[in-house]
Amino acid sequence: MQQKVQAAFIQRFIYDALVALRQASTKPESGQVVMTVQGATAVHKLALAWDKVADRTRILRGKGLPRSVQGKARSPASIEPLNPP
């Protein structure tokens, strides 16, 4: 149970950081988001962290992958010569 709470706390922290970054990157006069290289890097890293925490939360809750993501049985590949005779 403790790990679920920790994962949810981290996920909320990442969300709050993204919201604060958006507010800091928004021009007050136009409402347009202007991103610096450092800001874009931060967004990228936070998005990756969000994805990892969301996956970890799914695992801790005992949920499997969606059917569209689960591995499907592969048929053996047909082998053909590169230069047919």
C-alpha atoms as a PDB file:
ATOM      1  CA  MET A   1       0.000   0.000   0.000  1.00  0.00           C
ATOM      2  CA  GLN A   2       2.853   2.389   0.805  1.00  0.00           C
ATOM      3  CA  GLN A   3       4.301   2.169  -2.703  1.00  0.00           C
ATOM      4  CA  LYS A   4       0.941   3.058  -4.272  1.00  0.00           C
ATOM      5  CA  VAL A   5       0.740   6.171  -2.114  1.00  0.00           C
ATOM      6  CA  GLN A   6       4.313   7.137  -2.969  1.00  0.00           C
ATOM      7  CA  ALA A   7       3.715   6.669  -6.693  1.00  0.00           C
ATOM      8  CA  ALA A   8       0.539   8.769  -6.522  1.00  0.00           C
ATOM      9  CA  PHE A   9       2.408  11.482  -4.610  1.00  0.00           C
ATOM     10  CA  ILE A  10       5.212  11.541  -7.185  1.00  0.00           C
ATOM     11  CA  GLN A  11       2.692  11.659 -10.031  1.00  0.00           C
ATOM     12  CA  ARG A  12       0.935  14.635  -8.410  1.00  0.00           C
ATOM     13  CA  PHE A  13       4.286  16.366  -7.888  1.00  0.00           C
ATOM     14  CA  ILE A  14       5.160  15.936 -11.570  1.00  0.00           C
ATOM     15  CA  TYR A  15       1.762  17.328 -12.566  1.00  0.00           C
ATOM     16  CA  ASP A  16       2.205  20.360 -10.302  1.00  0.00           C
ATOM     17  CA  ALA A  17       5.698  20.942 -11.741  1.00  0.00           C
ATOM     18  CA  LEU A  18       4.329  20.866 -15.292  1.00  0.00           C
ATOM     19  CA  VAL A  19       1.544  23.310 -14.410  1.00  0.00           C
ATOM     20  CA  ALA A  20       4.041  25.682 -12.771  1.00  0.00           C
ATOM     21  CA  LEU A  21       6.341  25.425 -15.790  1.00  0.00           C
ATOM     22  CA  ARG A  22       3.452  26.253 -18.115  1.00  0.00           C
ATOM     23  CA  GLN A  23       2.480  29.277 -16.034  1.00  0.00           C
ATOM     24  CA  ALA A  24       6.089  30.486 -15.975  1.00  0.00           C
ATOM     25  CA  SER A  25       6.352  30.082 -19.760  1.00  0.00           C
ATOM     26  CA  THR A  26       3.102  31.907 -20.594  1.00  0.00           C
ATOM     27  CA  LYS A  27       3.196  35.544 -21.733  1.00  0.00           C
ATOM     28  CA  PRO A  28       0.741  37.504 -19.572  1.00  0.00           C
ATOM     29  CA  GLU A  29      -0.311  39.913 -22.327  1.00  0.00           C
ATOM     30  CA  SER A  30      -1.091  37.320 -25.015  1.00  0.00           C
ATOM     31  CA  GLY A  31      -1.500  34.056 -23.119  1.00  0.00           C
ATOM     32  CA  GLN A  32       0.890  32.424 -25.581  1.00  0.00           C
ATOM     33  CA  VAL A  33       3.276  29.765 -24.278  1.00  0.00           C
ATOM     34  CA  VAL A  34       6.886  30.578 -25.137  1.00  0.00           C
ATOM     35  CA  MET A  35       9.324  27.775 -24.412  1.00  0.00           C
ATOM     36  CA  THR A  36      13.076  28.056 -23.968  1.00  0.00           C
ATOM     37  CA  VAL A  37      15.421  25.171 -24.676  1.00  0.00           C
ATOM     38  CA  GLN A  38      15.798  24.565 -20.944  1.00  0.00           C
ATOM     39  CA  GLY A  39      12.019  24.655 -20.477  1.00  0.00           C
ATOM     40  CA  ALA A  40      11.458  22.224 -23.336  1.00  0.00           C
ATOM     41  CA  THR A  41      14.062  19.880 -21.858  1.00  0.00           C
ATOM     42  CA  ALA A  42      12.339  20.074 -18.488  1.00  0.00           C
ATOM     43  CA  VAL A  43       8.955  19.293 -20.068  1.00  0.00           C
ATOM     44  CA  HIS A  44      10.486  16.326 -21.892  1.00  0.00           C
ATOM     45  CA  LYS A  45      12.051  14.905 -18.735  1.00  0.00           C
ATOM     46  CA  LEU A  46       8.885  15.453 -16.703  1.00  0.00           C
ATOM     47  CA  ALA A  47       6.813  13.729 -19.406  1.00  0.00           C
ATOM     48  CA  LEU A  48       9.152  10.724 -19.329  1.00  0.00           C
ATOM     49  CA  ALA A  49       8.932  10.632 -15.537  1.00  0.00           C
ATOM     50  CA  TRP A  50       5.123  10.834 -15.730  1.00  0.00           C
ATOM     51  CA  ASP A  51       5.054   7.884 -18.123  1.00  0.00           C
ATOM     52  CA  LYS A  52       7.253   5.775 -15.847  1.00  0.00           C
ATOM     53  CA  VAL A  53       5.246   6.614 -12.734  1.00  0.00           C
ATOM     54  CA  ALA A  54       1.943   5.936 -14.531  1.00  0.00           C
ATOM     55  CA  ASP A  55       3.266   2.532 -15.623  1.00  0.00           C
ATOM     56  CA  ARG A  56       4.516   1.775 -12.115  1.00  0.00           C
ATOM     57  CA  THR A  57       1.142   2.775 -10.665  1.00  0.00           C
ATOM     58  CA  ARG A  58      -0.596   0.434 -13.123  1.00  0.00           C
ATOM     59  CA  ILE A  59       1.658  -2.421 -12.040  1.00  0.00           C
ATOM     60  CA  LEU A  60       1.162  -1.710  -8.326  1.00  0.00           C
ATOM     61  CA  ARG A  61      -2.606  -1.751  -8.842  1.00  0.00           C
ATOM     62  CA  GLY A  62      -2.325  -5.179 -10.467  1.00  0.00           C
ATOM     63  CA  LYS A  63      -3.616  -4.022 -13.849  1.00  0.00           C
ATOM     64  CA  GLY A  64      -2.286  -5.645 -16.993  1.00  0.00           C
ATOM     65  CA  LEU A  65      -1.433  -4.012 -20.252  1.00  0.00           C
ATOM     66  CA  PRO A  66      -4.308  -3.128 -22.575  1.00  0.00           C
ATOM     67  CA  ARG A  67      -5.079  -5.803 -25.178  1.00  0.00           C
ATOM     68  CA  SER A  68      -3.792  -3.570 -27.970  1.00  0.00           C
ATOM     69  CA  VAL A  69      -0.342  -3.480 -26.327  1.00  0.00           C
ATOM     70  CA  GLN A  70      -0.048  -7.088 -25.223  1.00  0.00           C
ATOM     71  CA  GLY A  71       2.140  -9.310 -27.323  1.00  0.00           C
ATOM     72  CA  LYS A  72       0.459 -11.291 -30.062  1.00  0.00           C
ATOM     73  CA  ALA A  73       1.504 -14.722 -31.239  1.00  0.00           C
ATOM     74  CA  ARG A  74       3.805 -14.243 -34.161  1.00  0.00           C
ATOM     75  CA  SER A  75       3.658 -16.455 -37.188  1.00  0.00           C
ATOM     76  CA  PRO A  76       7.039 -17.706 -38.362  1.00  0.00           C
ATOM     77  CA  ALA A  77       8.533 -15.419 -40.954  1.00  0.00           C
ATOM     78  CA  SER A  78       8.798 -16.854 -44.416  1.00  0.00           C
ATOM     79  CA  ILE A  79      12.368 -17.010 -45.630  1.00  0.00           C
ATOM     80  CA  GLU A  80      12.948 -16.080 -49.224  1.00  0.00           C
ATOM     81  CA  PRO A  81      16.271 -15.913 -51.028  1.00  0.00           C
ATOM     82  CA  LEU A  82      17.583 -12.459 -51.811  1.00  0.00           C
ATOM     83  CA  ASN A  83      18.426 -13.358 -55.405  1.00  0.00           C
ATOM     84  CA  PRO A  84      15.910 -15.872 -56.784  1.00  0.00           C
ATOM     85  CA  PRO A  85      17.354 -18.195 -59.465  1.00  0.00           C
END
